[in-house]
Amino acid sequence: MEITADNRLRRLIVVGDRVLVKPKNPSDRTNSGLYLPPTVHEKEQVQSGYVIKVGPGYPIPAPVEDEPWKETEEKVKYMPLQAQEGDLAIYLQRNAVELEYEGEKYLIVPQSAILLLERSENLFE
């Protein structure tokens, strides 16, 4: 399979209750027209960005109906996250982990750090 710009993020697997977020580019001007350096926005406690990928969710413990030493073939079950791909997420910056992947800046944000989700059916149309 050839890796293109469209499918390069498909190789990434988000683990657990985490969300991969592409930070939204903040305005570089104030309402009065003054230009702000990029470091001003990075210090804000609350940031926003678009959800790119979502982890499987919170693992649910298996029922203990059988004997504990008996091997089982059950797969791990997960409680899915509220965030979905394409949502606009408002999150706490201090809980986000910044990473750079193929020249792009992304953030790994735990579900517990997301304060608000804006979901629009035609967000990218």
PDB file of N, CA and C in Angstrom:
ATOM      1  N   MET A   1       0.847  -1.177   0.000  1.00  0.00           N
ATOM      2  CA  MET A   1       0.000   0.000   0.000  1.00  0.00           C
ATOM      3  C   MET A   1       0.890   1.237   0.000  1.00  0.00           C
ATOM      4  N   GLU A   2       0.612   2.156  -0.860  1.00  0.00           N
ATOM      5  CA  GLU A   2       1.379   3.392  -0.942  1.00  0.00           C
ATOM      6  C   GLU A   2       0.854   4.387   0.093  1.00  0.00           C
ATOM      7  N   ILE A   3       1.781   4.998   0.812  1.00  0.00           N
ATOM      8  CA  ILE A   3       1.409   5.968   1.838  1.00  0.00           C
ATOM      9  C   ILE A   3       1.268   7.336   1.184  1.00  0.00           C
ATOM     10  N   THR A   4       0.092   7.916   1.302  1.00  0.00           N
ATOM     11  CA  THR A   4      -0.167   9.252   0.766  1.00  0.00           C
ATOM     12  C   THR A   4      -0.584  10.170   1.907  1.00  0.00           C
ATOM     13  N   ALA A   5      -0.791  11.437   1.592  1.00  0.00           N
ATOM     14  CA  ALA A   5      -1.214  12.402   2.610  1.00  0.00           C
ATOM     15  C   ALA A   5      -2.577  12.029   3.192  1.00  0.00           C
ATOM     16  N   ASP A   6      -3.415  11.370   2.389  1.00  0.00           N
ATOM     17  CA  ASP A   6      -4.759  11.014   2.855  1.00  0.00           C
ATOM     18  C   ASP A   6      -4.758   9.854   3.848  1.00  0.00           C
ATOM     19  N   ASN A   7      -3.862   8.900   3.656  1.00  0.00           N
ATOM     20  CA  ASN A   7      -3.919   7.709   4.505  1.00  0.00           C
ATOM     21  C   ASN A   7      -2.723   7.556   5.440  1.00  0.00           C
ATOM     22  N   ARG A   8      -1.880   8.557   5.577  1.00  0.00           N
ATOM     23  CA  ARG A   8      -0.691   8.414   6.421  1.00  0.00           C
ATOM     24  C   ARG A   8      -1.040   8.285   7.898  1.00  0.00           C
ATOM     25  N   LEU A   9      -2.145   8.886   8.329  1.00  0.00           N
ATOM     26  CA  LEU A   9      -2.539   8.790   9.731  1.00  0.00           C
ATOM     27  C   LEU A   9      -3.220   7.469  10.058  1.00  0.00           C
ATOM     28  N   ARG A  10      -3.563   6.690   9.064  1.00  0.00           N
ATOM     29  CA  ARG A  10      -4.202   5.388   9.311  1.00  0.00           C
ATOM     30  C   ARG A  10      -3.236   4.419   9.978  1.00  0.00           C
ATOM     31  N   ARG A  11      -1.932   4.676   9.823  1.00  0.00           N
ATOM     32  CA  ARG A  11      -0.934   3.810  10.447  1.00  0.00           C
ATOM     33  C   ARG A  11      -0.866   4.018  11.952  1.00  0.00           C
ATOM     34  N   LEU A  12      -1.349   5.159  12.428  1.00  0.00           N
ATOM     35  CA  LEU A  12      -1.307   5.451  13.858  1.00  0.00           C
ATOM     36  C   LEU A  12      -2.474   4.786  14.575  1.00  0.00           C
ATOM     37  N   ILE A  13      -2.198   4.214  15.721  1.00  0.00           N
ATOM     38  CA  ILE A  13      -3.234   3.601  16.549  1.00  0.00           C
ATOM     39  C   ILE A  13      -3.211   4.315  17.893  1.00  0.00           C
ATOM     40  N   VAL A  14      -4.309   4.955  18.226  1.00  0.00           N
ATOM     41  CA  VAL A  14      -4.425   5.644  19.507  1.00  0.00           C
ATOM     42  C   VAL A  14      -4.840   4.613  20.551  1.00  0.00           C
ATOM     43  N   VAL A  15      -4.186   4.649  21.697  1.00  0.00           N
ATOM     44  CA  VAL A  15      -4.358   3.623  22.719  1.00  0.00           C
ATOM     45  C   VAL A  15      -5.243   4.131  23.856  1.00  0.00           C
ATOM     46  N   GLY A  16      -6.120   3.263  24.346  1.00  0.00           N
ATOM     47  CA  GLY A  16      -6.903   3.544  25.547  1.00  0.00           C
ATOM     48  C   GLY A  16      -7.905   4.673  25.401  1.00  0.00           C
ATOM     49  N   ASP A  17      -7.949   5.522  26.419  1.00  0.00           N
ATOM     50  CA  ASP A  17      -8.939   6.603  26.468  1.00  0.00           C
ATOM     51  C   ASP A  17      -8.354   7.917  25.960  1.00  0.00           C
ATOM     52  N   ARG A  18      -7.482   7.840  24.982  1.00  0.00           N
ATOM     53  CA  ARG A  18      -6.829   9.040  24.469  1.00  0.00           C
ATOM     54  C   ARG A  18      -7.366   9.415  23.099  1.00  0.00           C
ATOM     55  N   VAL A  19      -7.148  10.699  22.759  1.00  0.00           N
ATOM     56  CA  VAL A  19      -7.652  11.255  21.510  1.00  0.00           C
ATOM     57  C   VAL A  19      -6.501  11.986  20.829  1.00  0.00           C
ATOM     58  N   LEU A  20      -6.343  11.787  19.520  1.00  0.00           N
ATOM     59  CA  LEU A  20      -5.350  12.521  18.739  1.00  0.00           C
ATOM     60  C   LEU A  20      -6.011  13.776  18.202  1.00  0.00           C
ATOM     61  N   VAL A  21      -5.442  14.936  18.531  1.00  0.00           N
ATOM     62  CA  VAL A  21      -6.046  16.224  18.194  1.00  0.00           C
ATOM     63  C   VAL A  21      -5.076  17.029  17.345  1.00  0.00           C
ATOM     64  N   LYS A  22      -5.596  17.642  16.294  1.00  0.00           N
ATOM     65  CA  LYS A  22      -4.840  18.609  15.488  1.00  0.00           C
ATOM     66  C   LYS A  22      -5.203  19.985  16.023  1.00  0.00           C
ATOM     67  N   PRO A  23      -4.235  20.717  16.632  1.00  0.00           N
ATOM     68  CA  PRO A  23      -4.571  22.013  17.222  1.00  0.00           C
ATOM     69  C   PRO A  23      -5.107  22.987  16.182  1.00  0.00           C
ATOM     70  N   LYS A  24      -6.102  23.736  16.590  1.00  0.00           N
ATOM     71  CA  LYS A  24      -6.692  24.755  15.726  1.00  0.00           C
ATOM     72  C   LYS A  24      -5.758  25.956  15.716  1.00  0.00           C
ATOM     73  N   ASN A  25      -5.552  26.531  14.542  1.00  0.00           N
ATOM     74  CA  ASN A  25      -4.685  27.700  14.445  1.00  0.00           C
ATOM     75  C   ASN A  25      -5.391  28.902  15.036  1.00  0.00           C
ATOM     76  N   PRO A  26      -4.877  29.424  16.154  1.00  0.00           N
ATOM     77  CA  PRO A  26      -5.526  30.587  16.762  1.00  0.00           C
ATOM     78  C   PRO A  26      -5.249  31.850  15.968  1.00  0.00           C
ATOM     79  N   SER A  27      -6.061  32.833  16.184  1.00  0.00           N
ATOM     80  CA  SER A  27      -5.872  34.116  15.520  1.00  0.00           C
ATOM     81  C   SER A  27      -4.592  34.757  16.039  1.00  0.00           C
ATOM     82  N   ASP A  28      -3.811  35.319  15.136  1.00  0.00           N
ATOM     83  CA  ASP A  28      -2.566  35.947  15.564  1.00  0.00           C
ATOM     84  C   ASP A  28      -2.731  37.442  15.832  1.00  0.00           C
ATOM     85  N   ARG A  29      -3.979  37.898  15.891  1.00  0.00           N
ATOM     86  CA  ARG A  29      -4.250  39.307  16.183  1.00  0.00           C
ATOM     87  C   ARG A  29      -5.277  39.429  17.298  1.00  0.00           C
ATOM     88  N   THR A  30      -5.170  40.506  18.042  1.00  0.00           N
ATOM     89  CA  THR A  30      -6.188  40.812  19.041  1.00  0.00           C
ATOM     90  C   THR A  30      -7.338  41.536  18.357  1.00  0.00           C
ATOM     91  N   ASN A  31      -8.410  41.783  19.093  1.00  0.00           N
ATOM     92  CA  ASN A  31      -9.556  42.503  18.529  1.00  0.00           C
ATOM     93  C   ASN A  31      -9.188  43.915  18.108  1.00  0.00           C
ATOM     94  N   SER A  32      -8.188  44.497  18.768  1.00  0.00           N
ATOM     95  CA  SER A  32      -7.779  45.859  18.414  1.00  0.00           C
ATOM     96  C   SER A  32      -6.761  45.894  17.280  1.00  0.00           C
ATOM     97  N   GLY A  33      -6.300  44.713  16.806  1.00  0.00           N
ATOM     98  CA  GLY A  33      -5.410  44.668  15.654  1.00  0.00           C
ATOM     99  C   GLY A  33      -3.951  44.418  15.984  1.00  0.00           C
ATOM    100  N   LEU A  34      -3.602  44.228  17.250  1.00  0.00           N
ATOM    101  CA  LEU A  34      -2.215  43.964  17.623  1.00  0.00           C
ATOM    102  C   LEU A  34      -1.846  42.521  17.281  1.00  0.00           C
ATOM    103  N   TYR A  35      -0.639  42.324  16.748  1.00  0.00           N
ATOM    104  CA  TYR A  35      -0.157  40.981  16.435  1.00  0.00           C
ATOM    105  C   TYR A  35       0.408  40.322  17.689  1.00  0.00           C
ATOM    106  N   LEU A  36       0.092  39.043  17.865  1.00  0.00           N
ATOM    107  CA  LEU A  36       0.551  38.287  19.021  1.00  0.00           C
ATOM    108  C   LEU A  36       1.559  37.230  18.590  1.00  0.00           C
ATOM    109  N   PRO A  37       2.618  37.019  19.373  1.00  0.00           N
ATOM    110  CA  PRO A  37       3.552  35.935  19.045  1.00  0.00           C
ATOM    111  C   PRO A  37       2.908  34.582  19.336  1.00  0.00           C
ATOM    112  N   PRO A  38       3.372  33.513  18.679  1.00  0.00           N
ATOM    113  CA  PRO A  38       2.768  32.187  18.873  1.00  0.00           C
ATOM    114  C   PRO A  38       2.844  31.684  20.313  1.00  0.00           C
ATOM    115  N   THR A  39       3.842  32.115  21.067  1.00  0.00           N
ATOM    116  CA  THR A  39       3.983  31.625  22.444  1.00  0.00           C
ATOM    117  C   THR A  39       2.850  32.087  23.348  1.00  0.00           C
ATOM    118  N   VAL A  40       2.167  33.158  22.997  1.00  0.00           N
ATOM    119  CA  VAL A  40       1.047  33.648  23.810  1.00  0.00           C
ATOM    120  C   VAL A  40      -0.071  32.612  23.840  1.00  0.00           C
ATOM    121  N   HIS A  41      -0.385  32.030  22.691  1.00  0.00           N
ATOM    122  CA  HIS A  41      -1.477  31.052  22.613  1.00  0.00           C
ATOM    123  C   HIS A  41      -1.107  29.733  23.280  1.00  0.00           C
ATOM    124  N   GLU A  42       0.173  29.354  23.219  1.00  0.00           N
ATOM    125  CA  GLU A  42       0.594  28.086  23.809  1.00  0.00           C
ATOM    126  C   GLU A  42       0.481  28.100  25.327  1.00  0.00           C
ATOM    127  N   LYS A  43       0.510  29.280  25.939  1.00  0.00           N
ATOM    128  CA  LYS A  43       0.441  29.385  27.398  1.00  0.00           C
ATOM    129  C   LYS A  43      -0.987  29.414  27.921  1.00  0.00           C
ATOM    130  N   GLU A  44      -1.973  29.530  27.051  1.00  0.00           N
ATOM    131  CA  GLU A  44      -3.365  29.539  27.496  1.00  0.00           C
ATOM    132  C   GLU A  44      -3.729  28.166  28.058  1.00  0.00           C
ATOM    133  N   GLN A  45      -4.521  28.153  29.128  1.00  0.00           N
ATOM    134  CA  GLN A  45      -4.870  26.892  29.779  1.00  0.00           C
ATOM    135  C   GLN A  45      -5.857  26.066  28.967  1.00  0.00           C
ATOM    136  N   VAL A  46      -6.769  26.726  28.281  1.00  0.00           N
ATOM    137  CA  VAL A  46      -7.782  26.021  27.494  1.00  0.00           C
ATOM    138  C   VAL A  46      -7.487  26.253  26.017  1.00  0.00           C
ATOM    139  N   GLN A  47      -7.398  25.160  25.253  1.00  0.00           N
ATOM    140  CA  GLN A  47      -7.099  25.221  23.824  1.00  0.00           C
ATOM    141  C   GLN A  47      -8.208  24.498  23.061  1.00  0.00           C
ATOM    142  N   SER A  48      -8.171  24.615  21.745  1.00  0.00           N
ATOM    143  CA  SER A  48      -9.141  23.899  20.916  1.00  0.00           C
ATOM    144  C   SER A  48      -8.426  23.261  19.735  1.00  0.00           C
ATOM    145  N   GLY A  49      -9.042  22.217  19.201  1.00  0.00           N
ATOM    146  CA  GLY A  49      -8.484  21.530  18.056  1.00  0.00           C
ATOM    147  C   GLY A  49      -9.467  20.491  17.543  1.00  0.00           C
ATOM    148  N   TYR A  50      -9.141  19.934  16.381  1.00  0.00           N
ATOM    149  CA  TYR A  50     -10.018  18.957  15.739  1.00  0.00           C
ATOM    150  C   TYR A  50      -9.569  17.536  16.066  1.00  0.00           C
ATOM    151  N   VAL A  51     -10.519  16.687  16.389  1.00  0.00           N
ATOM    152  CA  VAL A  51     -10.239  15.288  16.706  1.00  0.00           C
ATOM    153  C   VAL A  51      -9.918  14.561  15.401  1.00  0.00           C
ATOM    154  N   ILE A  52      -8.736  13.970  15.351  1.00  0.00           N
ATOM    155  CA  ILE A  52      -8.286  13.253  14.158  1.00  0.00           C
ATOM    156  C   ILE A  52      -8.513  11.748  14.312  1.00  0.00           C
ATOM    157  N   LYS A  53      -8.114  11.204  15.459  1.00  0.00           N
ATOM    158  CA  LYS A  53      -8.303   9.773  15.737  1.00  0.00           C
ATOM    159  C   LYS A  53      -8.694   9.605  17.194  1.00  0.00           C
ATOM    160  N   VAL A  54      -9.390   8.505  17.472  1.00  0.00           N
ATOM    161  CA  VAL A  54      -9.886   8.232  18.818  1.00  0.00           C
ATOM    162  C   VAL A  54      -9.458   6.824  19.221  1.00  0.00           C
ATOM    163  N   GLY A  55      -9.058   6.666  20.479  1.00  0.00           N
ATOM    164  CA  GLY A  55      -8.711   5.355  21.007  1.00  0.00           C
ATOM    165  C   GLY A  55      -9.956   4.501  21.211  1.00  0.00           C
ATOM    166  N   PRO A  56      -9.784   3.227  21.568  1.00  0.00           N
ATOM    167  CA  PRO A  56     -10.937   2.335  21.721  1.00  0.00           C
ATOM    168  C   PRO A  56     -11.809   2.661  22.922  1.00  0.00           C
ATOM    169  N   GLY A  57     -11.274   3.307  23.928  1.00  0.00           N
ATOM    170  CA  GLY A  57     -12.070   3.674  25.097  1.00  0.00           C
ATOM    171  C   GLY A  57     -11.535   3.069  26.373  1.00  0.00           C
ATOM    172  N   TYR A  58     -12.403   3.006  27.373  1.00  0.00           N
ATOM    173  CA  TYR A  58     -12.036   2.462  28.679  1.00  0.00           C
ATOM    174  C   TYR A  58     -12.260   0.953  28.674  1.00  0.00           C
ATOM    175  N   PRO A  59     -11.259   0.151  29.096  1.00  0.00           N
ATOM    176  CA  PRO A  59     -11.473  -1.295  29.146  1.00  0.00           C
ATOM    177  C   PRO A  59     -12.482  -1.663  30.234  1.00  0.00           C
ATOM    178  N   ILE A  60     -13.350  -2.599  29.905  1.00  0.00           N
ATOM    179  CA  ILE A  60     -14.366  -3.078  30.847  1.00  0.00           C
ATOM    180  C   ILE A  60     -13.880  -4.416  31.396  1.00  0.00           C
ATOM    181  N   PRO A  61     -13.891  -4.587  32.718  1.00  0.00           N
ATOM    182  CA  PRO A  61     -13.422  -5.865  33.269  1.00  0.00           C
ATOM    183  C   PRO A  61     -14.333  -7.018  32.851  1.00  0.00           C
ATOM    184  N   ALA A  62     -13.718  -8.154  32.623  1.00  0.00           N
ATOM    185  CA  ALA A  62     -14.473  -9.350  32.234  1.00  0.00           C
ATOM    186  C   ALA A  62     -15.224  -9.893  33.446  1.00  0.00           C
ATOM    187  N   PRO A  63     -16.403 -10.480  33.216  1.00  0.00           N
ATOM    188  CA  PRO A  63     -17.138 -11.075  34.343  1.00  0.00           C
ATOM    189  C   PRO A  63     -16.377 -12.277  34.899  1.00  0.00           C
ATOM    190  N   VAL A  64     -16.453 -12.460  36.188  1.00  0.00           N
ATOM    191  CA  VAL A  64     -15.718 -13.544  36.842  1.00  0.00           C
ATOM    192  C   VAL A  64     -16.677 -14.700  37.116  1.00  0.00           C
ATOM    193  N   GLU A  65     -17.247 -15.259  36.051  1.00  0.00           N
ATOM    194  CA  GLU A  65     -18.201 -16.358  36.200  1.00  0.00           C
ATOM    195  C   GLU A  65     -17.497 -17.710  36.211  1.00  0.00           C
ATOM    196  N   ASP A  66     -16.396 -17.800  35.474  1.00  0.00           N
ATOM    197  CA  ASP A  66     -15.687 -19.071  35.385  1.00  0.00           C
ATOM    198  C   ASP A  66     -14.612 -19.158  36.466  1.00  0.00           C
ATOM    199  N   GLU A  67     -13.961 -20.285  36.463  1.00  0.00           N
ATOM    200  CA  GLU A  67     -12.847 -20.481  37.385  1.00  0.00           C
ATOM    201  C   GLU A  67     -11.706 -19.534  36.997  1.00  0.00           C
ATOM    202  N   PRO A  68     -11.014 -18.939  37.949  1.00  0.00           N
ATOM    203  CA  PRO A  68      -9.975 -17.966  37.623  1.00  0.00           C
ATOM    204  C   PRO A  68      -8.782 -18.568  36.892  1.00  0.00           C
ATOM    205  N   TRP A  69      -8.503 -19.869  37.040  1.00  0.00           N
ATOM    206  CA  TRP A  69      -7.349 -20.475  36.386  1.00  0.00           C
ATOM    207  C   TRP A  69      -7.678 -21.016  35.003  1.00  0.00           C
ATOM    208  N   LYS A  70      -8.952 -20.998  34.639  1.00  0.00           N
ATOM    209  CA  LYS A  70      -9.368 -21.503  33.333  1.00  0.00           C
ATOM    210  C   LYS A  70      -9.057 -20.453  32.260  1.00  0.00           C
ATOM    211  N   GLU A  71      -8.440 -20.916  31.177  1.00  0.00           N
ATOM    212  CA  GLU A  71      -8.114 -20.000  30.081  1.00  0.00           C
ATOM    213  C   GLU A  71      -9.370 -19.636  29.310  1.00  0.00           C
ATOM    214  N   THR A  72      -9.469 -18.381  28.933  1.00  0.00           N
ATOM    215  CA  THR A  72     -10.611 -17.938  28.136  1.00  0.00           C
ATOM    216  C   THR A  72     -10.110 -17.286  26.860  1.00  0.00           C
ATOM    217  N   GLU A  73     -10.935 -17.315  25.859  1.00  0.00           N
ATOM    218  CA  GLU A  73     -10.604 -16.736  24.563  1.00  0.00           C
ATOM    219  C   GLU A  73     -11.305 -15.403  24.349  1.00  0.00           C
ATOM    220  N   GLU A  74     -11.854 -14.822  25.411  1.00  0.00           N
ATOM    221  CA  GLU A  74     -12.616 -13.583  25.266  1.00  0.00           C
ATOM    222  C   GLU A  74     -11.706 -12.419  24.892  1.00  0.00           C
ATOM    223  N   LYS A  75     -12.215 -11.576  24.034  1.00  0.00           N
ATOM    224  CA  LYS A  75     -11.497 -10.361  23.689  1.00  0.00           C
ATOM    225  C   LYS A  75     -11.844  -9.288  24.712  1.00  0.00           C
ATOM    226  N   VAL A  76     -10.948  -8.339  24.852  1.00  0.00           N
ATOM    227  CA  VAL A  76     -11.187  -7.232  25.776  1.00  0.00           C
ATOM    228  C   VAL A  76     -12.309  -6.367  25.224  1.00  0.00           C
ATOM    229  N   LYS A  77     -13.225  -5.966  26.104  1.00  0.00           N
ATOM    230  CA  LYS A  77     -14.327  -5.096  25.696  1.00  0.00           C
ATOM    231  C   LYS A  77     -14.042  -3.691  26.203  1.00  0.00           C
ATOM    232  N   TYR A  78     -14.491  -2.704  25.429  1.00  0.00           N
ATOM    233  CA  TYR A  78     -14.233  -1.308  25.767  1.00  0.00           C
ATOM    234  C   TYR A  78     -15.525  -0.511  25.821  1.00  0.00           C
ATOM    235  N   MET A  79     -15.560   0.479  26.714  1.00  0.00           N
ATOM    236  CA  MET A  79     -16.638   1.461  26.714  1.00  0.00           C
ATOM    237  C   MET A  79     -16.153   2.604  25.816  1.00  0.00           C
ATOM    238  N   PRO A  80     -16.836   2.882  24.705  1.00  0.00           N
ATOM    239  CA  PRO A  80     -16.338   3.875  23.749  1.00  0.00           C
ATOM    240  C   PRO A  80     -16.315   5.288  24.329  1.00  0.00           C
ATOM    241  N   LEU A  81     -15.479   6.117  23.726  1.00  0.00           N
ATOM    242  CA  LEU A  81     -15.346   7.511  24.143  1.00  0.00           C
ATOM    243  C   LEU A  81     -16.433   8.360  23.505  1.00  0.00           C
ATOM    244  N   GLN A  82     -16.685   9.525  24.085  1.00  0.00           N
ATOM    245  CA  GLN A  82     -17.673  10.444  23.523  1.00  0.00           C
ATOM    246  C   GLN A  82     -17.139  11.137  22.278  1.00  0.00           C
ATOM    247  N   ALA A  83     -15.843  11.399  22.230  1.00  0.00           N
ATOM    248  CA  ALA A  83     -15.256  12.109  21.092  1.00  0.00           C
ATOM    249  C   ALA A  83     -15.305  11.234  19.844  1.00  0.00           C
ATOM    250  N   GLN A  84     -15.564  11.874  18.711  1.00  0.00           N
ATOM    251  CA  GLN A  84     -15.564  11.194  17.417  1.00  0.00           C
ATOM    252  C   GLN A  84     -14.682  11.975  16.458  1.00  0.00           C
ATOM    253  N   GLU A  85     -14.203  11.294  15.428  1.00  0.00           N
ATOM    254  CA  GLU A  85     -13.366  11.956  14.436  1.00  0.00           C
ATOM    255  C   GLU A  85     -14.133  13.106  13.800  1.00  0.00           C
ATOM    256  N   GLY A  86     -13.475  14.260  13.697  1.00  0.00           N
ATOM    257  CA  GLY A  86     -14.094  15.435  13.099  1.00  0.00           C
ATOM    258  C   GLY A  86     -14.673  16.408  14.104  1.00  0.00           C
ATOM    259  N   ASP A  87     -14.790  16.015  15.373  1.00  0.00           N
ATOM    260  CA  ASP A  87     -15.316  16.922  16.398  1.00  0.00           C
ATOM    261  C   ASP A  87     -14.310  18.036  16.686  1.00  0.00           C
ATOM    262  N   LEU A  88     -14.826  19.184  17.079  1.00  0.00           N
ATOM    263  CA  LEU A  88     -13.983  20.259  17.598  1.00  0.00           C
ATOM    264  C   LEU A  88     -13.943  20.081  19.109  1.00  0.00           C
ATOM    265  N   ALA A  89     -12.748  19.893  19.657  1.00  0.00           N
ATOM    266  CA  ALA A  89     -12.589  19.632  21.086  1.00  0.00           C
ATOM    267  C   ALA A  89     -11.994  20.846  21.785  1.00  0.00           C
ATOM    268  N   ILE A  90     -12.571  21.211  22.920  1.00  0.00           N
ATOM    269  CA  ILE A  90     -12.016  22.219  23.811  1.00  0.00           C
ATOM    270  C   ILE A  90     -11.410  21.429  24.971  1.00  0.00           C
ATOM    271  N   TYR A  91     -10.100  21.573  25.210  1.00  0.00           N
ATOM    272  CA  TYR A  91      -9.398  20.728  26.171  1.00  0.00           C
ATOM    273  C   TYR A  91      -8.436  21.546  27.023  1.00  0.00           C
ATOM    274  N   LEU A  92      -7.999  20.938  28.119  1.00  0.00           N
ATOM    275  CA  LEU A  92      -7.012  21.549  29.004  1.00  0.00           C
ATOM    276  C   LEU A  92      -5.615  21.299  28.444  1.00  0.00           C
ATOM    277  N   GLN A  93      -4.876  22.355  28.196  1.00  0.00           N
ATOM    278  CA  GLN A  93      -3.553  22.259  27.588  1.00  0.00           C
ATOM    279  C   GLN A  93      -2.567  21.506  28.485  1.00  0.00           C
ATOM    280  N   ARG A  94      -2.677  21.668  29.803  1.00  0.00           N
ATOM    281  CA  ARG A  94      -1.680  21.068  30.700  1.00  0.00           C
ATOM    282  C   ARG A  94      -1.712  19.544  30.675  1.00  0.00           C
ATOM    283  N   ASN A  95      -2.804  18.949  30.252  1.00  0.00           N
ATOM    284  CA  ASN A  95      -2.903  17.487  30.197  1.00  0.00           C
ATOM    285  C   ASN A  95      -2.547  16.920  28.828  1.00  0.00           C
ATOM    286  N   ALA A  96      -2.319  17.771  27.848  1.00  0.00           N
ATOM    287  CA  ALA A  96      -2.028  17.312  26.490  1.00  0.00           C
ATOM    288  C   ALA A  96      -0.530  17.037  26.327  1.00  0.00           C
ATOM    289  N   VAL A  97      -0.221  16.036  25.519  1.00  0.00           N
ATOM    290  CA  VAL A  97       1.158  15.702  25.190  1.00  0.00           C
ATOM    291  C   VAL A  97       1.372  16.063  23.728  1.00  0.00           C
ATOM    292  N   GLU A  98       2.338  16.934  23.481  1.00  0.00           N
ATOM    293  CA  GLU A  98       2.590  17.407  22.113  1.00  0.00           C
ATOM    294  C   GLU A  98       3.520  16.437  21.400  1.00  0.00           C
ATOM    295  N   LEU A  99       3.227  16.182  20.128  1.00  0.00           N
ATOM    296  CA  LEU A  99       4.115  15.375  19.305  1.00  0.00           C
ATOM    297  C   LEU A  99       4.105  15.906  17.881  1.00  0.00           C
ATOM    298  N   GLU A 100       5.179  15.595  17.174  1.00  0.00           N
ATOM    299  CA  GLU A 100       5.270  15.990  15.773  1.00  0.00           C
ATOM    300  C   GLU A 100       5.355  14.716  14.947  1.00  0.00           C
ATOM    301  N   TYR A 101       4.475  14.595  13.959  1.00  0.00           N
ATOM    302  CA  TYR A 101       4.426  13.414  13.104  1.00  0.00           C
ATOM    303  C   TYR A 101       4.432  13.874  11.662  1.00  0.00           C
ATOM    304  N   GLU A 102       5.479  13.511  10.953  1.00  0.00           N
ATOM    305  CA  GLU A 102       5.670  13.872   9.550  1.00  0.00           C
ATOM    306  C   GLU A 102       5.514  15.374   9.326  1.00  0.00           C
ATOM    307  N   GLY A 103       6.150  16.153  10.197  1.00  0.00           N
ATOM    308  CA  GLY A 103       6.166  17.601  10.036  1.00  0.00           C
ATOM    309  C   GLY A 103       4.930  18.331  10.521  1.00  0.00           C
ATOM    310  N   GLU A 104       3.945  17.618  11.036  1.00  0.00           N
ATOM    311  CA  GLU A 104       2.704  18.233  11.528  1.00  0.00           C
ATOM    312  C   GLU A 104       2.665  18.142  13.050  1.00  0.00           C
ATOM    313  N   LYS A 105       2.104  19.159  13.690  1.00  0.00           N
ATOM    314  CA  LYS A 105       1.974  19.178  15.147  1.00  0.00           C
ATOM    315  C   LYS A 105       0.631  18.567  15.541  1.00  0.00           C
ATOM    316  N   TYR A 106       0.680  17.592  16.454  1.00  0.00           N
ATOM    317  CA  TYR A 106      -0.516  16.945  16.984  1.00  0.00           C
ATOM    318  C   TYR A 106      -0.418  16.910  18.502  1.00  0.00           C
ATOM    319  N   LEU A 107      -1.537  16.633  19.135  1.00  0.00           N
ATOM    320  CA  LEU A 107      -1.578  16.490  20.581  1.00  0.00           C
ATOM    321  C   LEU A 107      -2.304  15.197  20.933  1.00  0.00           C
ATOM    322  N   ILE A 108      -1.803  14.507  21.952  1.00  0.00           N
ATOM    323  CA  ILE A 108      -2.505  13.367  22.521  1.00  0.00           C
ATOM    324  C   ILE A 108      -3.185  13.890  23.783  1.00  0.00           C
ATOM    325  N   VAL A 109      -4.509  13.829  23.805  1.00  0.00           N
ATOM    326  CA  VAL A 109      -5.283  14.382  24.917  1.00  0.00           C
ATOM    327  C   VAL A 109      -6.109  13.257  25.537  1.00  0.00           C
ATOM    328  N   PRO A 110      -6.025  13.061  26.861  1.00  0.00           N
ATOM    329  CA  PRO A 110      -6.903  12.068  27.484  1.00  0.00           C
ATOM    330  C   PRO A 110      -8.351  12.550  27.482  1.00  0.00           C
ATOM    331  N   GLN A 111      -9.272  11.609  27.417  1.00  0.00           N
ATOM    332  CA  GLN A 111     -10.701  11.956  27.393  1.00  0.00           C
ATOM    333  C   GLN A 111     -11.076  12.818  28.595  1.00  0.00           C
ATOM    334  N   SER A 112     -10.449  12.583  29.735  1.00  0.00           N
ATOM    335  CA  SER A 112     -10.783  13.340  30.947  1.00  0.00           C
ATOM    336  C   SER A 112     -10.378  14.810  30.860  1.00  0.00           C
ATOM    337  N   ALA A 113      -9.479  15.175  29.935  1.00  0.00           N
ATOM    338  CA  ALA A 113      -9.045  16.566  29.789  1.00  0.00           C
ATOM    339  C   ALA A 113      -9.908  17.337  28.798  1.00  0.00           C
ATOM    340  N   ILE A 114     -10.807  16.650  28.095  1.00  0.00           N
ATOM    341  CA  ILE A 114     -11.679  17.330  27.132  1.00  0.00           C
ATOM    342  C   ILE A 114     -12.864  17.914  27.883  1.00  0.00           C
ATOM    343  N   LEU A 115     -13.048  19.217  27.740  1.00  0.00           N
ATOM    344  CA  LEU A 115     -14.112  19.920  28.448  1.00  0.00           C
ATOM    345  C   LEU A 115     -15.400  19.984  27.647  1.00  0.00           C
ATOM    346  N   LEU A 116     -15.275  20.101  26.319  1.00  0.00           N
ATOM    347  CA  LEU A 116     -16.436  20.342  25.475  1.00  0.00           C
ATOM    348  C   LEU A 116     -16.158  19.812  24.079  1.00  0.00           C
ATOM    349  N   LEU A 117     -17.185  19.262  23.441  1.00  0.00           N
ATOM    350  CA  LEU A 117     -17.086  18.800  22.058  1.00  0.00           C
ATOM    351  C   LEU A 117     -18.142  19.504  21.231  1.00  0.00           C
ATOM    352  N   GLU A 118     -17.741  19.984  20.061  1.00  0.00           N
ATOM    353  CA  GLU A 118     -18.701  20.558  19.116  1.00  0.00           C
ATOM    354  C   GLU A 118     -18.750  19.625  17.922  1.00  0.00           C
ATOM    355  N   ARG A 119     -19.922  19.068  17.686  1.00  0.00           N
ATOM    356  CA  ARG A 119     -20.084  18.116  16.597  1.00  0.00           C
ATOM    357  C   ARG A 119     -20.960  18.732  15.526  1.00  0.00           C
ATOM    358  N   SER A 120     -20.464  18.723  14.308  1.00  0.00           N
ATOM    359  CA  SER A 120     -21.215  19.251  13.179  1.00  0.00           C
ATOM    360  C   SER A 120     -21.190  18.205  12.083  1.00  0.00           C
ATOM    361  N   GLU A 121     -22.335  17.891  11.546  1.00  0.00           N
ATOM    362  CA  GLU A 121     -22.418  16.863  10.508  1.00  0.00           C
ATOM    363  C   GLU A 121     -21.690  17.286   9.238  1.00  0.00           C
ATOM    364  N   ASN A 122     -21.683  18.569   8.931  1.00  0.00           N
ATOM    365  CA  ASN A 122     -21.040  19.046   7.698  1.00  0.00           C
ATOM    366  C   ASN A 122     -19.831  19.912   8.024  1.00  0.00           C
ATOM    367  N   LEU A 123     -19.028  19.497   9.010  1.00  0.00           N
ATOM    368  CA  LEU A 123     -17.890  20.281   9.460  1.00  0.00           C
ATOM    369  C   LEU A 123     -16.833  20.428   8.376  1.00  0.00           C
ATOM    370  N   PHE A 124     -16.573  19.370   7.617  1.00  0.00           N
ATOM    371  CA  PHE A 124     -15.513  19.416   6.620  1.00  0.00           C
ATOM    372  C   PHE A 124     -16.037  19.486   5.192  1.00  0.00           C
ATOM    373  N   GLU A 125     -17.292  19.753   4.988  1.00  0.00           N
ATOM    374  CA  GLU A 125     -17.847  19.808   3.624  1.00  0.00           C
ATOM    375  C   GLU A 125     -17.766  21.197   3.051  1.00  0.00           C
TER     376      GLU A 125
END
